[in-house]
């Protein structure tokens, strides 16, 4: 089965790859906002260009954070995203994308849309659902 054709202005054509070094204290100095606990994608907060140590690329306020070191973090709570970043060694590679009409910080809005199977949108929805499910379903333990 062939992959669906994507429009020229599809969000996948606007993905931004950035590499940011941590400072001497081990901080990335990038404000993160949102997170699944707020019903939102994790996204970039205010960017203070004077303290962010870019290795490549730049970040913009409001960009959605899709990946940290090739790990899809969409649908994770913000504290888990921050833990992933904290555990990274060396410069941290981030994938972000500018918000648009179909893909904005509102997880409910994005998950309510219908997409063709095997499309990047459908795959992102599945990632979000998987990550939400992992954090929302309680673990059962057997009692003796």
Protein backbone atom coordinates (compact mmCIF):
# COMPACT_ATOMS: atom_id res chain seq x y z
CA UNK A 1 0.00 0.00 0.00
CA UNK A 2 1.43 3.37 -0.98
CA UNK A 3 2.01 6.26 1.40
CA UNK A 4 -0.52 9.09 1.16
CA UNK A 5 0.67 12.20 -0.68
CA UNK A 6 1.36 15.11 1.67
CA UNK A 7 0.53 18.70 0.93
CA UNK A 8 3.41 21.11 0.44
CA UNK A 9 2.59 22.99 3.64
CA UNK A 10 2.09 19.88 5.80
CA UNK A 11 3.64 20.18 9.26
CA UNK A 12 6.20 17.46 8.45
CA UNK A 13 7.82 19.87 5.98
CA UNK A 14 8.32 22.40 8.79
CA UNK A 15 10.05 20.17 11.36
CA UNK A 16 12.93 22.00 13.03
CA UNK A 17 15.96 20.05 14.28
CA UNK A 18 18.00 21.76 16.98
CA UNK A 19 20.95 20.74 19.12
CA UNK A 20 21.38 22.52 22.46
CA UNK A 21 24.21 22.10 24.97
CA UNK A 22 23.67 22.11 28.70
CA UNK A 23 25.36 24.74 30.86
CA UNK A 24 27.91 24.04 33.64
CA UNK A 25 25.06 23.17 36.04
CA UNK A 26 23.59 20.68 33.56
CA UNK A 27 20.61 22.89 32.63
CA UNK A 28 19.35 23.24 29.08
CA UNK A 29 18.07 26.78 29.78
CA UNK A 30 15.02 26.21 27.58
CA UNK A 31 11.64 26.85 29.20
CA UNK A 32 9.14 24.09 28.51
CA UNK A 33 5.38 24.47 28.92
CA UNK A 34 2.26 22.34 28.42
CA UNK A 35 2.42 18.58 28.76
CA UNK A 36 -0.23 15.87 28.70
CA UNK A 37 -1.33 16.66 32.27
CA UNK A 38 -2.55 20.00 30.86
CA UNK A 39 -4.08 18.42 27.73
CA UNK A 40 -1.30 19.89 25.61
CA UNK A 41 1.76 18.93 23.64
CA UNK A 42 4.95 19.95 25.42
CA UNK A 43 6.04 23.18 23.80
CA UNK A 44 8.83 25.76 23.97
CA UNK A 45 8.25 28.62 26.39
CA UNK A 46 10.01 31.96 26.36
CA UNK A 47 13.46 31.68 24.76
CA UNK A 48 16.26 33.79 26.23
CA UNK A 49 18.80 33.78 23.39
CA UNK A 50 21.53 35.07 25.75
CA UNK A 51 21.61 31.87 27.85
CA UNK A 52 20.67 29.07 25.40
CA UNK A 53 23.80 27.32 24.13
CA UNK A 54 22.91 26.31 20.56
CA UNK A 55 25.10 23.80 18.74
CA UNK A 56 22.89 23.92 15.64
CA UNK A 57 19.56 25.49 14.73
CA UNK A 58 17.42 27.77 16.92
CA UNK A 59 14.22 27.44 18.94
CA UNK A 60 11.18 29.71 18.81
CA UNK A 61 8.62 30.31 21.52
CA UNK A 62 5.45 28.26 20.99
CA UNK A 63 7.03 25.50 18.89
CA UNK A 64 5.71 22.03 19.72
CA UNK A 65 8.30 19.58 21.01
CA UNK A 66 7.98 16.29 19.10
CA UNK A 67 11.20 14.41 19.93
CA UNK A 68 14.10 14.45 22.36
CA UNK A 69 17.12 12.42 21.17
CA UNK A 70 14.89 10.58 18.65
CA UNK A 71 12.42 9.60 21.39
CA UNK A 72 8.84 10.60 20.54
CA UNK A 73 7.58 12.50 23.59
CA UNK A 74 4.18 13.65 22.30
CA UNK A 75 1.52 12.77 24.87
CA UNK A 76 3.93 12.60 27.82
CA UNK A 77 3.47 14.67 30.98
CA UNK A 78 5.85 17.62 31.20
CA UNK A 79 7.74 16.14 34.16
CA UNK A 80 8.59 13.05 32.05
CA UNK A 81 9.80 15.22 29.17
CA UNK A 82 12.00 17.14 31.62
CA UNK A 83 13.34 13.86 33.05
CA UNK A 84 14.24 12.61 29.56
CA UNK A 85 16.14 15.86 28.89
CA UNK A 86 17.84 15.77 32.30
CA UNK A 87 19.13 12.24 31.60
CA UNK A 88 20.62 13.16 28.21
CA UNK A 89 24.38 13.39 27.96
CA UNK A 90 26.11 16.00 25.82
CA UNK A 91 24.21 18.28 23.45
CA UNK A 92 20.50 17.45 23.37
CA UNK A 93 18.86 16.97 19.97
CA UNK A 94 15.30 18.28 19.77
CA UNK A 95 12.71 18.10 17.00
CA UNK A 96 10.11 20.85 17.05
CA UNK A 97 7.45 22.21 14.73
CA UNK A 98 5.59 25.52 14.52
CA UNK A 99 1.96 25.32 15.51
CA UNK A 100 -0.61 25.44 12.73
CA UNK A 101 -4.35 25.06 12.30
CA UNK A 102 -4.36 21.24 12.37
CA UNK A 103 -1.41 20.73 14.69
CA UNK A 104 -1.49 23.07 17.67
CA UNK A 105 -0.77 22.60 21.36
CA UNK A 106 -4.27 21.20 22.09
CA UNK A 107 -3.99 17.39 22.28
CA UNK A 108 -7.77 16.89 22.32
CA UNK A 109 -8.16 18.90 19.11
CA UNK A 110 -5.46 16.89 17.35
CA UNK A 111 -6.70 13.52 18.59
CA UNK A 112 -10.27 14.31 17.48
CA UNK A 113 -9.23 14.61 13.82
CA UNK A 114 -9.37 11.72 11.36
CA UNK A 115 -6.33 10.84 9.28
CA UNK A 116 -5.50 8.17 6.73
CA UNK A 117 -3.76 5.12 8.17
CA UNK A 118 0.03 5.10 7.84
CA UNK A 119 0.11 8.89 7.37
CA UNK A 120 2.47 10.92 9.60
CA UNK A 121 -0.60 12.38 11.36
CA UNK A 122 -2.05 8.95 12.11
CA UNK A 123 1.34 7.75 13.40
CA UNK A 124 1.65 10.83 15.64
CA UNK A 125 -1.85 10.21 17.00
CA UNK A 126 -0.87 6.62 17.81
CA UNK A 127 2.28 7.80 19.60
CA UNK A 128 0.23 10.25 21.66
CA UNK A 129 -2.32 7.57 22.55
CA UNK A 130 0.42 5.09 23.50
CA UNK A 131 2.18 7.63 25.72
CA UNK A 132 -1.09 8.74 27.33
CA UNK A 133 -2.13 5.15 27.95
CA UNK A 134 1.16 4.30 29.65
CA UNK A 135 0.61 7.11 32.16
CA UNK A 136 -3.14 6.89 32.63
CA UNK A 137 -3.77 3.19 33.21
CA UNK A 138 -3.09 2.06 36.78
CA UNK A 139 -0.90 -0.96 37.29
CA UNK A 140 -2.56 -3.92 38.99
CA UNK A 141 -0.68 -6.07 41.41
CA UNK A 142 -1.66 -9.47 42.71
CA UNK A 143 -2.47 -9.77 46.37
CA UNK A 144 -1.24 -12.80 48.21
